[in-house]
Amino acid sequence: MTELIFIPSNHGNQWILYKQHCFYKWCTRDNGNVYWKCVFSRRRCRKWECKASITTIALNLEIKEENLNYANHPNFSSLDTRLHQCLDSVTKRSRNEYGSINSIFRDEIIRIIEED
């Protein structure tokens, strides 16, 4: 089994982190397989126009097919992943808790710093 990690995107959707590259859900096929495109694909980012994609069996973490023909774009590091998770956590906490967004954001950043 390969290492796939779900991370939240800036808009609340799910991305998959696979081999230091991030993919967003493009479509679900009739057979239940899910097709994921690189976040630096042509539609999202004209600078790199990456054509990498993966296909998973349903929403399982099992890869059925992969096309890792990457363009020369930056890789996602573990810090990028943690920052996306931090922003998602700030969004969720700001909906459920009283207090300023600045204090919630500061708490989340301190948590990331303490993890290192």
Protein backbone atom coordinates (compact mmCIF):
# COMPACT_ATOMS: atom_id res chain seq x y z
CA MET A 1 0.00 0.00 0.00
CA THR A 2 1.32 3.41 -0.93
CA GLU A 3 1.36 6.43 1.33
CA LEU A 4 -1.56 8.71 0.52
CA ILE A 5 -2.50 11.50 2.89
CA PHE A 6 -5.71 13.50 2.72
CA ILE A 7 -5.22 17.19 3.42
CA PRO A 8 -7.76 20.04 3.32
CA SER A 9 -7.56 22.55 0.48
CA ASN A 10 -8.04 26.29 0.87
CA HIS A 11 -11.73 25.93 -0.06
CA GLY A 12 -12.55 23.03 2.26
CA ASN A 13 -12.25 20.25 -0.33
CA GLN A 14 -9.95 17.27 0.05
CA TRP A 15 -6.57 16.98 -1.62
CA ILE A 16 -4.35 13.93 -1.72
CA LEU A 17 -0.66 14.22 -0.98
CA TYR A 18 1.28 11.50 -2.84
CA LYS A 19 5.05 11.43 -3.30
CA GLN A 20 5.36 15.13 -2.34
CA HIS A 21 2.78 16.16 -4.94
CA CYS A 22 -0.77 17.28 -4.34
CA PHE A 23 -3.85 16.20 -6.28
CA TYR A 24 -7.43 17.48 -6.25
CA LYS A 25 -10.53 15.42 -6.96
CA TRP A 26 -11.50 15.86 -10.59
CA CYS A 27 -14.35 13.37 -11.02
CA THR A 28 -15.86 10.09 -9.92
CA ARG A 29 -16.27 7.55 -12.70
CA ASP A 30 -19.24 5.21 -13.19
CA ASN A 31 -17.32 2.25 -11.73
CA GLY A 32 -16.70 4.19 -8.49
CA ASN A 33 -13.05 5.04 -9.15
CA VAL A 34 -11.99 8.58 -8.33
CA TYR A 35 -9.79 10.54 -10.77
CA TRP A 36 -7.40 13.09 -9.21
CA LYS A 37 -5.42 15.80 -11.06
CA CYS A 38 -2.30 17.65 -9.97
CA VAL A 39 -3.05 21.00 -8.30
CA PHE A 40 -0.66 22.57 -10.81
CA SER A 41 -2.68 21.33 -13.76
CA ARG A 42 -3.42 23.53 -16.75
CA ARG A 43 -6.79 24.68 -15.50
CA ARG A 44 -5.51 25.73 -12.11
CA CYS A 45 -2.06 27.07 -12.90
CA ARG A 46 -1.05 28.05 -16.41
CA LYS A 47 2.59 28.53 -15.41
CA TRP A 48 3.39 24.81 -15.05
CA GLU A 49 0.53 22.94 -16.77
CA CYS A 50 1.29 19.66 -15.00
CA LYS A 51 -0.39 16.58 -16.46
CA ALA A 52 0.18 14.22 -13.52
CA SER A 53 -2.86 12.30 -12.28
CA ILE A 54 -3.80 9.32 -10.16
CA THR A 55 -6.89 7.12 -9.97
CA THR A 56 -7.99 5.60 -6.67
CA ILE A 57 -10.43 2.80 -6.06
CA ALA A 58 -13.42 4.66 -4.63
CA LEU A 59 -12.26 6.89 -1.77
CA ASN A 60 -9.93 4.18 -0.46
CA LEU A 61 -6.26 4.90 -0.20
CA GLU A 62 -5.49 2.36 -2.88
CA ILE A 63 -4.07 3.57 -6.18
CA LYS A 64 -5.37 1.83 -9.27
CA GLU A 65 -3.54 3.90 -11.87
CA GLU A 66 -0.96 6.67 -11.85
CA ASN A 67 0.48 9.02 -14.43
CA LEU A 68 3.36 10.76 -12.71
CA ASN A 69 4.48 12.84 -15.67
CA TYR A 70 5.22 15.93 -13.60
CA ALA A 71 6.02 19.37 -14.90
CA ASN A 72 8.83 21.24 -13.18
CA HIS A 73 6.82 22.71 -10.31
CA PRO A 74 7.53 22.93 -6.56
CA ASN A 75 6.98 19.90 -4.34
CA PHE A 76 4.77 19.97 -1.27
CA SER A 77 6.73 19.65 1.93
CA SER A 78 5.49 18.49 5.31
CA LEU A 79 5.34 22.15 6.36
CA ASP A 80 2.98 22.94 3.46
CA THR A 81 0.77 20.08 4.58
CA ARG A 82 0.73 21.29 8.17
CA LEU A 83 -0.08 24.85 7.08
CA HIS A 84 -3.08 23.64 5.06
CA GLN A 85 -4.24 21.65 8.08
CA CYS A 86 -3.69 24.72 10.28
CA LEU A 87 -5.85 26.94 8.05
CA ASP A 88 -8.57 24.30 7.98
CA SER A 89 -8.46 24.06 11.76
CA VAL A 90 -8.66 27.86 12.12
CA THR A 91 -11.71 27.92 9.84
CA LYS A 92 -13.48 25.18 11.81
CA ARG A 93 -12.59 26.64 15.21
CA SER A 94 -13.70 30.15 14.21
CA ARG A 95 -17.16 28.77 13.40
CA ASN A 96 -17.52 26.96 16.72
CA GLU A 97 -15.65 29.09 19.26
CA TYR A 98 -15.96 32.59 20.57
CA GLY A 99 -12.86 34.73 20.36
CA SER A 100 -10.88 36.50 17.73
CA ILE A 101 -9.56 34.78 14.65
CA ASN A 102 -6.13 36.23 15.47
CA SER A 103 -5.98 34.34 18.78
CA ILE A 104 -7.17 31.10 17.15
CA PHE A 105 -4.61 31.49 14.37
CA ARG A 106 -1.86 32.23 16.92
CA ASP A 107 -2.80 29.08 18.88
CA GLU A 108 -2.59 26.95 15.74
CA ILE A 109 0.76 28.42 14.66
CA ILE A 110 2.19 27.87 18.15
CA ARG A 111 1.04 24.25 17.93
CA ILE A 112 2.94 23.81 14.63
CA ILE A 113 6.07 25.41 16.11
CA GLU A 114 5.89 23.18 19.18
CA GLU A 115 5.64 20.07 16.99
CA ASP A 116 9.05 20.88 15.54
